[in-house]
Every structure is written in C-alpha cells, then in structure tokens.
N, C-alpha and C. Protein backbone atom coordinates (compact mmCIF):
# COMPACT_ATOMS: atom_id res chain seq x y z
N MET A 1 0.85 -1.18 0.00
CA MET A 1 0.00 0.00 0.00
C MET A 1 0.89 1.23 0.00
N GLY A 2 0.49 2.21 -0.78
CA GLY A 2 1.25 3.43 -0.82
C GLY A 2 1.10 4.15 -2.13
N PRO A 3 1.96 5.15 -2.33
CA PRO A 3 1.91 5.90 -3.58
C PRO A 3 2.14 4.98 -4.78
N THR A 4 1.66 5.42 -5.92
CA THR A 4 1.78 4.63 -7.16
C THR A 4 3.23 4.28 -7.46
N SER A 5 4.14 5.23 -7.23
CA SER A 5 5.57 4.97 -7.51
C SER A 5 6.11 3.85 -6.62
N PHE A 6 5.65 3.77 -5.38
CA PHE A 6 6.07 2.72 -4.45
C PHE A 6 5.57 1.37 -4.94
N ILE A 7 4.30 1.31 -5.30
CA ILE A 7 3.69 0.06 -5.79
C ILE A 7 4.37 -0.38 -7.08
N SER A 8 4.60 0.55 -7.99
CA SER A 8 5.25 0.21 -9.27
C SER A 8 6.65 -0.34 -9.05
N THR A 9 7.40 0.28 -8.16
CA THR A 9 8.76 -0.18 -7.88
C THR A 9 8.74 -1.60 -7.31
N LEU A 10 7.87 -1.85 -6.36
CA LEU A 10 7.77 -3.21 -5.80
C LEU A 10 7.38 -4.21 -6.87
N ASN A 11 6.45 -3.84 -7.71
CA ASN A 11 6.01 -4.73 -8.78
C ASN A 11 7.15 -5.05 -9.75
N GLU A 12 7.97 -4.07 -10.07
CA GLU A 12 9.11 -4.29 -10.96
C GLU A 12 10.16 -5.21 -10.32
N LEU A 13 10.27 -5.15 -9.01
CA LEU A 13 11.31 -5.91 -8.30
C LEU A 13 10.84 -7.28 -7.80
N LYS A 14 9.56 -7.59 -7.96
CA LYS A 14 9.00 -8.79 -7.33
C LYS A 14 9.70 -10.09 -7.71
N THR A 15 10.30 -10.19 -8.86
CA THR A 15 11.00 -11.43 -9.23
C THR A 15 12.27 -11.63 -8.40
N PHE A 16 12.74 -10.58 -7.74
CA PHE A 16 13.96 -10.67 -6.94
C PHE A 16 13.67 -10.92 -5.46
N PHE A 17 12.41 -10.93 -5.09
CA PHE A 17 12.05 -11.14 -3.69
C PHE A 17 12.03 -12.62 -3.34
N ASN A 18 12.29 -12.92 -2.08
CA ASN A 18 12.22 -14.30 -1.58
C ASN A 18 10.82 -14.61 -1.05
N PHE A 19 9.85 -13.85 -1.43
CA PHE A 19 8.48 -14.04 -0.97
C PHE A 19 7.55 -13.69 -2.12
N ASN A 20 6.30 -14.08 -1.99
CA ASN A 20 5.30 -13.76 -3.02
C ASN A 20 4.73 -12.38 -2.73
N LEU A 21 4.66 -11.58 -3.73
CA LEU A 21 4.15 -10.23 -3.60
C LEU A 21 2.74 -10.17 -4.15
N LEU A 22 1.81 -9.74 -3.32
CA LEU A 22 0.42 -9.53 -3.75
C LEU A 22 0.19 -8.04 -3.82
N LEU A 23 -0.35 -7.56 -4.90
CA LEU A 23 -0.62 -6.14 -5.01
C LEU A 23 -1.93 -5.79 -4.31
N GLU A 24 -2.17 -4.52 -4.13
CA GLU A 24 -3.31 -4.01 -3.36
C GLU A 24 -4.65 -4.62 -3.76
N ASN A 25 -4.85 -4.87 -5.02
CA ASN A 25 -6.15 -5.33 -5.49
C ASN A 25 -6.36 -6.82 -5.35
N SER A 26 -5.40 -7.51 -4.80
CA SER A 26 -5.50 -8.96 -4.67
C SER A 26 -6.64 -9.35 -3.72
N LYS A 27 -7.29 -10.46 -4.03
CA LYS A 27 -8.37 -10.94 -3.18
C LYS A 27 -7.85 -11.85 -2.07
N ASN A 28 -6.59 -12.25 -2.18
CA ASN A 28 -5.99 -13.10 -1.14
C ASN A 28 -5.64 -12.27 0.09
N LYS A 29 -5.75 -12.89 1.25
CA LYS A 29 -5.41 -12.22 2.50
C LYS A 29 -3.89 -12.31 2.70
N PRO A 30 -3.21 -11.16 2.87
CA PRO A 30 -1.76 -11.20 3.00
C PRO A 30 -1.31 -11.66 4.40
N ASN A 31 -0.11 -12.23 4.47
CA ASN A 31 0.50 -12.56 5.74
C ASN A 31 1.25 -11.36 6.30
N ILE A 32 1.76 -10.55 5.37
CA ILE A 32 2.53 -9.36 5.74
C ILE A 32 2.02 -8.19 4.91
N LEU A 33 1.87 -7.06 5.58
CA LEU A 33 1.43 -5.86 4.90
C LEU A 33 2.59 -4.88 4.88
N LEU A 34 3.16 -4.66 3.69
CA LEU A 34 4.24 -3.69 3.49
C LEU A 34 3.60 -2.44 2.92
N PHE A 35 3.73 -1.33 3.65
CA PHE A 35 3.08 -0.11 3.21
C PHE A 35 4.03 1.08 3.36
N HIS A 36 3.82 2.06 2.52
CA HIS A 36 4.60 3.29 2.56
C HIS A 36 4.01 4.20 3.64
N VAL A 37 4.87 4.87 4.38
CA VAL A 37 4.43 5.72 5.48
C VAL A 37 3.46 6.81 5.02
N ASP A 38 3.57 7.26 3.78
CA ASP A 38 2.68 8.31 3.27
C ASP A 38 1.22 7.89 3.28
N ILE A 39 0.95 6.61 3.18
CA ILE A 39 -0.44 6.12 3.13
C ILE A 39 -1.16 6.38 4.45
N LEU A 40 -0.40 6.57 5.53
CA LEU A 40 -1.00 6.78 6.85
C LEU A 40 -1.69 8.14 6.99
N SER A 41 -1.42 9.05 6.06
CA SER A 41 -2.10 10.35 6.10
C SER A 41 -3.57 10.21 5.70
N ASN A 42 -3.91 9.12 5.03
CA ASN A 42 -5.29 8.83 4.66
C ASN A 42 -5.93 8.07 5.83
N LYS A 43 -6.89 8.70 6.48
CA LYS A 43 -7.50 8.14 7.70
C LYS A 43 -8.08 6.74 7.48
N GLU A 44 -8.77 6.54 6.36
CA GLU A 44 -9.36 5.24 6.06
C GLU A 44 -8.30 4.16 5.87
N GLN A 45 -7.24 4.51 5.13
CA GLN A 45 -6.15 3.56 4.90
C GLN A 45 -5.46 3.21 6.22
N LYS A 46 -5.23 4.24 7.07
CA LYS A 46 -4.58 4.01 8.36
C LYS A 46 -5.41 3.07 9.23
N GLU A 47 -6.72 3.29 9.27
CA GLU A 47 -7.62 2.42 10.04
C GLU A 47 -7.58 1.00 9.51
N LEU A 48 -7.56 0.86 8.20
CA LEU A 48 -7.49 -0.47 7.57
C LEU A 48 -6.20 -1.18 7.98
N ILE A 49 -5.10 -0.47 7.95
CA ILE A 49 -3.81 -1.04 8.35
C ILE A 49 -3.82 -1.41 9.83
N ASP A 50 -4.28 -0.49 10.66
CA ASP A 50 -4.27 -0.73 12.10
C ASP A 50 -5.18 -1.88 12.51
N LYS A 51 -6.28 -2.09 11.79
CA LYS A 51 -7.20 -3.19 12.10
C LYS A 51 -6.71 -4.54 11.57
N SER A 52 -5.82 -4.50 10.61
CA SER A 52 -5.32 -5.74 10.01
C SER A 52 -4.59 -6.58 11.05
N GLU A 53 -4.78 -7.89 10.99
CA GLU A 53 -4.13 -8.78 11.95
C GLU A 53 -2.84 -9.38 11.41
N CYS A 54 -2.44 -8.97 10.23
CA CYS A 54 -1.20 -9.51 9.67
C CYS A 54 0.00 -8.69 10.18
N ILE A 55 1.18 -9.11 9.82
CA ILE A 55 2.40 -8.39 10.17
C ILE A 55 2.42 -7.09 9.38
N LYS A 56 2.75 -5.98 10.05
CA LYS A 56 2.75 -4.67 9.42
C LYS A 56 4.16 -4.12 9.36
N ILE A 57 4.62 -3.78 8.14
CA ILE A 57 5.95 -3.21 7.95
C ILE A 57 5.79 -1.85 7.28
N CYS A 58 6.27 -0.83 7.96
CA CYS A 58 6.17 0.53 7.48
C CYS A 58 7.45 0.89 6.73
N ALA A 59 7.31 1.42 5.52
CA ALA A 59 8.47 1.78 4.68
C ALA A 59 8.50 3.28 4.48
N GLY A 60 9.71 3.85 4.54
CA GLY A 60 9.87 5.28 4.31
C GLY A 60 11.23 5.77 4.76
N LYS A 61 11.38 7.08 4.79
CA LYS A 61 12.63 7.67 5.26
C LYS A 61 12.70 7.56 6.78
N LYS A 62 13.91 7.46 7.31
CA LYS A 62 14.12 7.21 8.73
C LYS A 62 13.32 8.14 9.63
N ASN A 63 13.32 9.42 9.36
CA ASN A 63 12.64 10.38 10.23
C ASN A 63 11.12 10.26 10.19
N ASP A 64 10.60 9.65 9.13
CA ASP A 64 9.15 9.53 8.96
C ASP A 64 8.57 8.22 9.50
N LEU A 65 9.44 7.24 9.77
CA LEU A 65 8.96 5.90 10.15
C LEU A 65 8.36 5.90 11.54
N LEU A 66 7.35 5.09 11.68
CA LEU A 66 6.68 4.94 12.97
C LEU A 66 7.11 3.63 13.59
N ASP A 67 7.35 3.65 14.89
CA ASP A 67 7.87 2.45 15.55
C ASP A 67 6.80 1.56 16.18
N HIS A 68 5.53 1.88 16.00
CA HIS A 68 4.51 1.03 16.63
C HIS A 68 3.99 -0.07 15.69
N TYR A 69 4.68 -0.27 14.57
CA TYR A 69 4.35 -1.40 13.71
C TYR A 69 5.38 -2.51 13.95
N ASP A 70 5.16 -3.67 13.34
CA ASP A 70 6.03 -4.82 13.60
C ASP A 70 7.47 -4.62 13.16
N SER A 71 7.66 -3.87 12.09
CA SER A 71 9.01 -3.64 11.59
C SER A 71 9.00 -2.40 10.71
N ALA A 72 10.21 -1.95 10.36
CA ALA A 72 10.33 -0.77 9.50
C ALA A 72 11.35 -1.04 8.41
N LEU A 73 11.08 -0.51 7.26
CA LEU A 73 11.98 -0.61 6.12
C LEU A 73 12.41 0.81 5.78
N GLU A 74 13.68 1.09 6.05
CA GLU A 74 14.19 2.45 5.87
C GLU A 74 14.71 2.66 4.45
N PHE A 75 14.31 3.79 3.84
CA PHE A 75 14.81 4.17 2.52
C PHE A 75 16.00 5.10 2.66
N PRO A 76 16.97 5.05 1.80
CA PRO A 76 17.11 4.10 0.70
C PRO A 76 17.41 2.70 1.24
N THR A 77 17.12 1.70 0.43
CA THR A 77 17.29 0.31 0.86
C THR A 77 17.81 -0.53 -0.31
N THR A 78 18.06 -1.80 0.00
CA THR A 78 18.53 -2.75 -1.02
C THR A 78 17.57 -3.92 -1.07
N LEU A 79 17.66 -4.70 -2.14
CA LEU A 79 16.86 -5.92 -2.23
C LEU A 79 17.16 -6.85 -1.07
N LYS A 80 18.42 -6.95 -0.72
CA LYS A 80 18.84 -7.81 0.39
C LYS A 80 18.16 -7.38 1.68
N ASP A 81 18.11 -6.06 1.92
CA ASP A 81 17.46 -5.55 3.14
C ASP A 81 15.96 -5.83 3.13
N ILE A 82 15.32 -5.63 1.99
CA ILE A 82 13.88 -5.88 1.89
C ILE A 82 13.59 -7.35 2.21
N ASN A 83 14.33 -8.25 1.57
CA ASN A 83 14.13 -9.67 1.83
C ASN A 83 14.39 -10.01 3.29
N PHE A 84 15.46 -9.46 3.85
CA PHE A 84 15.81 -9.74 5.25
C PHE A 84 14.71 -9.27 6.20
N ILE A 85 14.24 -8.06 6.02
CA ILE A 85 13.22 -7.50 6.92
C ILE A 85 11.92 -8.29 6.83
N ILE A 86 11.50 -8.63 5.62
CA ILE A 86 10.26 -9.41 5.43
C ILE A 86 10.41 -10.79 6.07
N GLU A 87 11.51 -11.49 5.76
CA GLU A 87 11.72 -12.84 6.29
C GLU A 87 11.87 -12.81 7.81
N ASN A 88 12.55 -11.82 8.35
CA ASN A 88 12.74 -11.71 9.78
C ASN A 88 11.41 -11.46 10.50
N ALA A 89 10.59 -10.59 9.95
CA ALA A 89 9.28 -10.31 10.54
C ALA A 89 8.40 -11.56 10.54
N ALA A 90 8.44 -12.31 9.44
CA ALA A 90 7.65 -13.56 9.36
C ALA A 90 8.16 -14.59 10.35
N ALA A 91 9.48 -14.70 10.48
CA ALA A 91 10.06 -15.67 11.43
C ALA A 91 9.71 -15.31 12.87
N LYS A 92 9.74 -14.03 13.20
CA LYS A 92 9.38 -13.59 14.56
C LYS A 92 7.94 -13.95 14.88
N LYS A 93 7.05 -13.70 13.91
CA LYS A 93 5.64 -14.01 14.14
C LYS A 93 5.44 -15.51 14.32
N LYS A 94 6.08 -16.31 13.48
CA LYS A 94 5.96 -17.76 13.59
C LYS A 94 6.50 -18.24 14.94
N PHE A 95 7.63 -17.69 15.37
CA PHE A 95 8.23 -18.03 16.65
C PHE A 95 7.28 -17.70 17.79
N ASN A 96 6.68 -16.51 17.74
CA ASN A 96 5.76 -16.10 18.80
C ASN A 96 4.50 -16.96 18.83
N ILE A 97 4.00 -17.32 17.66
CA ILE A 97 2.82 -18.18 17.60
C ILE A 97 3.14 -19.56 18.19
N ASN A 98 4.28 -20.11 17.84
CA ASN A 98 4.67 -21.43 18.33
C ASN A 98 5.00 -21.43 19.81
N SER A 99 5.33 -20.28 20.37
CA SER A 99 5.72 -20.24 21.77
C SER A 99 4.59 -19.80 22.68
N SER A 100 3.48 -19.36 22.13
CA SER A 100 2.35 -18.91 22.93
C SER A 100 1.22 -19.92 22.85
N ILE A 101 0.77 -20.34 24.02
CA ILE A 101 -0.26 -21.37 24.09
C ILE A 101 -1.39 -20.86 24.97
N VAL A 102 -2.62 -21.02 24.50
CA VAL A 102 -3.77 -20.65 25.30
C VAL A 102 -4.07 -21.77 26.29
N VAL A 103 -4.11 -21.40 27.56
CA VAL A 103 -4.43 -22.34 28.65
C VAL A 103 -5.63 -21.75 29.39
N LYS A 104 -6.77 -22.41 29.24
CA LYS A 104 -8.03 -21.88 29.75
C LYS A 104 -8.19 -20.47 29.20
N ASN A 105 -8.32 -19.45 30.06
CA ASN A 105 -8.42 -18.08 29.54
C ASN A 105 -7.14 -17.29 29.84
N TYR A 106 -6.02 -18.00 29.83
CA TYR A 106 -4.69 -17.42 30.04
C TYR A 106 -3.85 -17.66 28.80
N LEU A 107 -2.72 -16.94 28.72
CA LEU A 107 -1.76 -17.15 27.65
C LEU A 107 -0.44 -17.59 28.27
N LEU A 108 0.01 -18.78 27.90
CA LEU A 108 1.28 -19.31 28.38
C LEU A 108 2.34 -18.98 27.35
N ASN A 109 3.32 -18.18 27.75
CA ASN A 109 4.44 -17.85 26.87
C ASN A 109 5.60 -18.74 27.26
N LYS A 110 5.88 -19.73 26.43
CA LYS A 110 6.92 -20.71 26.75
C LYS A 110 8.32 -20.12 26.71
N ASN A 111 8.54 -19.11 25.87
CA ASN A 111 9.86 -18.50 25.79
C ASN A 111 10.20 -17.69 27.03
N GLU A 112 9.24 -16.92 27.50
CA GLU A 112 9.46 -16.08 28.67
C GLU A 112 9.09 -16.79 29.96
N LYS A 113 8.56 -17.99 29.85
CA LYS A 113 8.11 -18.77 31.00
C LYS A 113 7.21 -17.93 31.92
N LYS A 114 6.14 -17.46 31.30
CA LYS A 114 5.17 -16.71 32.09
C LYS A 114 3.77 -17.03 31.60
N ILE A 115 2.83 -16.87 32.50
CA ILE A 115 1.43 -17.04 32.16
C ILE A 115 0.75 -15.72 32.45
N SER A 116 -0.09 -15.28 31.50
CA SER A 116 -0.68 -13.95 31.65
C SER A 116 -2.17 -13.98 31.34
N LYS A 117 -2.80 -12.94 31.86
CA LYS A 117 -4.22 -12.70 31.59
C LYS A 117 -4.38 -11.19 31.63
N LEU A 118 -4.80 -10.62 30.52
CA LEU A 118 -4.86 -9.18 30.36
C LEU A 118 -3.47 -8.59 30.63
N ASP A 119 -3.34 -7.67 31.57
CA ASP A 119 -2.04 -7.06 31.83
C ASP A 119 -1.31 -7.68 33.02
N ASN A 120 -1.89 -8.71 33.61
CA ASN A 120 -1.25 -9.38 34.75
C ASN A 120 -0.54 -10.64 34.30
N TYR A 121 0.56 -10.96 34.96
CA TYR A 121 1.28 -12.19 34.64
C TYR A 121 2.08 -12.66 35.85
N ILE A 122 2.44 -13.94 35.79
CA ILE A 122 3.36 -14.50 36.78
C ILE A 122 4.46 -15.23 36.01
N ILE A 123 5.62 -15.24 36.61
CA ILE A 123 6.75 -15.95 36.04
C ILE A 123 6.70 -17.39 36.54
N LEU A 124 6.94 -18.32 35.65
CA LEU A 124 6.90 -19.75 35.97
C LEU A 124 8.31 -20.31 36.05
N THR A 125 8.47 -21.34 36.86
CA THR A 125 9.72 -22.09 36.85
C THR A 125 9.69 -23.03 35.65
N GLU A 126 10.81 -23.60 35.33
CA GLU A 126 10.89 -24.56 34.22
C GLU A 126 9.93 -25.73 34.44
N LYS A 127 9.89 -26.24 35.66
CA LYS A 127 9.03 -27.39 35.96
C LYS A 127 7.56 -27.01 35.93
N GLU A 128 7.21 -25.80 36.38
CA GLU A 128 5.82 -25.35 36.31
C GLU A 128 5.38 -25.24 34.85
N ASP A 129 6.25 -24.73 34.03
CA ASP A 129 5.98 -24.61 32.60
C ASP A 129 5.74 -26.00 31.99
N GLN A 130 6.61 -26.93 32.29
CA GLN A 130 6.48 -28.31 31.77
C GLN A 130 5.20 -28.97 32.31
N LEU A 131 4.91 -28.74 33.57
CA LEU A 131 3.71 -29.31 34.18
C LEU A 131 2.45 -28.79 33.50
N LEU A 132 2.38 -27.48 33.27
CA LEU A 132 1.21 -26.91 32.60
C LEU A 132 1.05 -27.45 31.18
N GLU A 133 2.15 -27.55 30.47
CA GLU A 133 2.07 -28.07 29.11
C GLU A 133 1.61 -29.53 29.10
N LEU A 134 2.09 -30.32 30.06
CA LEU A 134 1.67 -31.71 30.17
C LEU A 134 0.16 -31.79 30.45
N LEU A 135 -0.32 -31.00 31.41
CA LEU A 135 -1.75 -31.02 31.74
C LEU A 135 -2.59 -30.52 30.57
N LEU A 136 -2.10 -29.53 29.88
CA LEU A 136 -2.83 -28.97 28.74
C LEU A 136 -2.98 -29.99 27.62
N ASN A 137 -1.96 -30.78 27.38
CA ASN A 137 -1.96 -31.73 26.28
C ASN A 137 -2.72 -33.02 26.58
N SER A 138 -3.22 -33.15 27.79
CA SER A 138 -3.96 -34.36 28.16
C SER A 138 -5.45 -34.08 28.20
N LYS A 139 -6.23 -34.97 27.63
CA LYS A 139 -7.68 -34.81 27.63
C LYS A 139 -8.32 -35.40 28.89
N LYS A 140 -7.52 -36.11 29.67
CA LYS A 140 -8.05 -36.70 30.90
C LYS A 140 -7.07 -36.43 32.05
N PRO A 141 -7.51 -36.61 33.28
CA PRO A 141 -6.63 -36.38 34.42
C PRO A 141 -5.36 -37.24 34.34
N ILE A 142 -4.25 -36.67 34.84
CA ILE A 142 -2.96 -37.37 34.83
C ILE A 142 -2.59 -37.71 36.26
N SER A 143 -2.24 -38.95 36.48
CA SER A 143 -1.90 -39.40 37.83
C SER A 143 -0.58 -38.79 38.30
N LYS A 144 -0.40 -38.77 39.61
CA LYS A 144 0.83 -38.27 40.21
C LYS A 144 2.04 -39.02 39.65
N ASP A 145 1.91 -40.35 39.53
CA ASP A 145 3.02 -41.17 39.03
C ASP A 145 3.40 -40.79 37.59
N ASN A 146 2.41 -40.56 36.74
CA ASN A 146 2.69 -40.16 35.36
C ASN A 146 3.31 -38.77 35.27
N ILE A 147 2.88 -37.87 36.15
CA ILE A 147 3.47 -36.53 36.20
C ILE A 147 4.93 -36.63 36.64
N LEU A 148 5.17 -37.44 37.68
CA LEU A 148 6.55 -37.63 38.16
C LEU A 148 7.46 -38.15 37.04
N LEU A 149 6.96 -39.10 36.31
CA LEU A 149 7.74 -39.70 35.24
C LEU A 149 7.95 -38.71 34.08
N SER A 150 6.89 -38.01 33.67
CA SER A 150 6.95 -37.12 32.52
C SER A 150 7.73 -35.84 32.77
N VAL A 151 7.55 -35.23 33.94
CA VAL A 151 8.16 -33.93 34.22
C VAL A 151 9.50 -34.07 34.94
N TRP A 152 9.58 -35.01 35.90
CA TRP A 152 10.79 -35.13 36.73
C TRP A 152 11.63 -36.36 36.42
N ASN A 153 11.12 -37.22 35.56
CA ASN A 153 11.81 -38.48 35.24
C ASN A 153 12.06 -39.35 36.47
N TYR A 154 11.15 -39.27 37.43
CA TYR A 154 11.22 -40.13 38.61
C TYR A 154 10.38 -41.37 38.35
N SER A 155 10.77 -42.46 38.93
CA SER A 155 9.96 -43.68 38.80
C SER A 155 8.76 -43.57 39.73
N SER A 156 7.74 -44.33 39.44
CA SER A 156 6.50 -44.25 40.21
C SER A 156 6.65 -44.75 41.64
N ASP A 157 7.71 -45.51 41.92
CA ASP A 157 7.88 -46.00 43.29
C ASP A 157 8.73 -45.05 44.15
N ALA A 158 9.11 -43.90 43.60
CA ALA A 158 9.86 -42.91 44.38
C ALA A 158 8.93 -42.29 45.41
N ASP A 159 9.38 -42.21 46.64
CA ASP A 159 8.58 -41.63 47.72
C ASP A 159 8.87 -40.13 47.78
N THR A 160 8.03 -39.37 47.13
CA THR A 160 8.27 -37.94 47.05
C THR A 160 6.95 -37.18 47.01
N HIS A 161 7.00 -35.96 47.49
CA HIS A 161 5.82 -35.08 47.44
C HIS A 161 6.06 -33.96 46.44
N THR A 162 6.93 -34.20 45.48
CA THR A 162 7.30 -33.20 44.48
C THR A 162 6.09 -32.68 43.71
N VAL A 163 5.27 -33.58 43.21
CA VAL A 163 4.10 -33.17 42.42
C VAL A 163 3.16 -32.32 43.27
N GLU A 164 2.82 -32.82 44.43
CA GLU A 164 1.89 -32.09 45.30
C GLU A 164 2.43 -30.70 45.66
N THR A 165 3.72 -30.64 45.97
CA THR A 165 4.35 -29.37 46.35
C THR A 165 4.31 -28.38 45.19
N HIS A 166 4.69 -28.84 44.00
CA HIS A 166 4.70 -27.94 42.85
C HIS A 166 3.28 -27.48 42.48
N ILE A 167 2.33 -28.38 42.53
CA ILE A 167 0.95 -28.00 42.20
C ILE A 167 0.41 -27.04 43.26
N TYR A 168 0.72 -27.28 44.52
CA TYR A 168 0.30 -26.37 45.59
C TYR A 168 0.85 -24.97 45.35
N ARG A 169 2.16 -24.88 45.05
CA ARG A 169 2.79 -23.57 44.83
C ARG A 169 2.23 -22.87 43.59
N LEU A 170 1.99 -23.64 42.53
CA LEU A 170 1.45 -23.04 41.31
C LEU A 170 0.01 -22.58 41.53
N ARG A 171 -0.78 -23.38 42.21
CA ARG A 171 -2.15 -22.97 42.52
C ARG A 171 -2.15 -21.69 43.35
N LYS A 172 -1.23 -21.61 44.30
CA LYS A 172 -1.13 -20.44 45.16
C LYS A 172 -0.76 -19.19 44.36
N LYS A 173 0.21 -19.32 43.45
CA LYS A 173 0.60 -18.20 42.58
C LYS A 173 -0.59 -17.71 41.75
N ILE A 174 -1.30 -18.66 41.15
CA ILE A 174 -2.45 -18.33 40.30
C ILE A 174 -3.55 -17.67 41.13
N ALA A 175 -3.83 -18.23 42.29
CA ALA A 175 -4.88 -17.69 43.15
C ALA A 175 -4.55 -16.27 43.62
N GLU A 176 -3.30 -16.04 44.00
CA GLU A 176 -2.91 -14.72 44.49
C GLU A 176 -2.93 -13.66 43.38
N LYS A 177 -2.47 -14.00 42.20
CA LYS A 177 -2.37 -13.01 41.12
C LYS A 177 -3.68 -12.84 40.36
N PHE A 178 -4.38 -13.95 40.09
CA PHE A 178 -5.55 -13.91 39.23
C PHE A 178 -6.87 -14.22 39.96
N MET A 179 -6.80 -14.50 41.25
CA MET A 179 -8.00 -14.83 42.04
C MET A 179 -8.75 -16.03 41.45
N ASP A 180 -7.99 -16.99 40.95
CA ASP A 180 -8.56 -18.17 40.31
C ASP A 180 -8.26 -19.40 41.18
N GLN A 181 -9.28 -19.92 41.84
CA GLN A 181 -9.12 -21.08 42.72
C GLN A 181 -9.28 -22.41 41.97
N ASN A 182 -9.68 -22.35 40.71
CA ASN A 182 -9.98 -23.57 39.96
C ASN A 182 -9.09 -23.76 38.74
N PHE A 183 -7.85 -23.33 38.82
CA PHE A 183 -6.96 -23.43 37.67
C PHE A 183 -6.53 -24.87 37.44
N ILE A 184 -5.91 -25.48 38.43
CA ILE A 184 -5.55 -26.91 38.34
C ILE A 184 -6.51 -27.66 39.26
N LEU A 185 -7.22 -28.59 38.69
CA LEU A 185 -8.20 -29.37 39.43
C LEU A 185 -7.66 -30.80 39.61
N ASN A 186 -8.28 -31.53 40.51
CA ASN A 186 -7.91 -32.93 40.67
C ASN A 186 -9.12 -33.75 41.12
N ASN A 187 -9.04 -35.03 40.79
CA ASN A 187 -10.02 -36.00 41.24
C ASN A 187 -9.28 -37.29 41.54
N LYS A 188 -9.99 -38.38 41.72
CA LYS A 188 -9.35 -39.65 42.08
C LYS A 188 -8.38 -40.15 41.00
N ASP A 189 -8.57 -39.72 39.75
CA ASP A 189 -7.71 -40.17 38.65
C ASP A 189 -6.45 -39.33 38.47
N GLY A 190 -6.42 -38.13 39.04
CA GLY A 190 -5.24 -37.31 38.92
C GLY A 190 -5.55 -35.83 38.76
N TYR A 191 -4.61 -35.11 38.18
CA TYR A 191 -4.69 -33.65 38.01
C TYR A 191 -5.06 -33.30 36.57
N TYR A 192 -5.78 -32.18 36.42
CA TYR A 192 -6.20 -31.73 35.10
C TYR A 192 -6.50 -30.23 35.13
N LEU A 193 -6.59 -29.66 33.94
CA LEU A 193 -6.94 -28.22 33.83
C LEU A 193 -8.43 -28.08 33.54
C-alpha cells in the first residue's frame, strides 16, 4: 500500500524477492502488509492497516517511520534488506505463535516462561511450565506417578511429594495473582486443567 511509484517499484522488483508479492487489489489475505508511510495520512487507509491482523511493515525515510508497527523498512534500501526484513518479521511471528499457548483463559508464553491474563502475569519455573504443558496436552486427568515420570523423570515408586508441592505452589501463585481457585483441578484419577 502506498503511492503509485512505491507500488510500481515493488512490482518491478517482485522477481527478486524471496516471498510472493500480492498487489493491493489482490483478493488473497496477506501474511505481511508492506506499506509506505505516506499512506498513513489517509484516515481510512490508516484504520485499515491498524485493524489488520497480519504483520505490518512501514516503509519510508528514517525520520518519517513509525515504531509502533512490527518492523520498519528504511529508505534508501537494497533488495537484500527488503528480503531480510520481510523474512525476519515472518520468522518472529511464527516463533511467537509457536511459543504462545492458550491455557483456559490465560496465555502461556513458553519463551518467557510466564502465564498472563490481560495485563497481569506470573513468572513460571521450568518445571511449572512443563507441568502446565503436560496437563494442557492431556484430555483426561494425569496421575501423580505419570506426572513424576513425565516432568521429573522419577519412577513411580519414588517416595516424594514433588508433584503435590509444585501443584500447591502453582495454585497459590495463580490464586494470588488472578484470584482463580480452579486453575488446576484434581479427582481420584489425577490432576487436570
């Protein structure tokens, strides 16, 4: 999106890109929206860009670029830079999608080892993170012995209160920060979300 000269230049260079270029009139939904900063002066275009859920890359001169988009492409530039910025933005988005998991009405960020809801979050230990992922991936309750084996690599005959202690501490963290008493549940068959 942008001035005609910007669109024409991209169209002329599209055979040199490491990605598929869709022009403005395309009916396909883009993964990345590369737009010229000048287009933001049009209120309707700006709203369209801001509402878009794809990756947004703003292109223009350094002093004109806005930093609240996913990435920026500074002019003058090279084909190598354009390809790098586009590929890097796509890789970041893929990485973030693969590292963020919805757990009930929370978001588990595996990279940062934190669980959040709205603007609140708690930091998780490595074992708490593994425990939550194990519980999330199971459709039925998981026994203490299976948790010990999967998360701690302990045998089922080990006499330990590791699972109970970790679940108690995690429940306490969740209850204190989010006022949620029903995050990790249990019954006679084991623990579940």
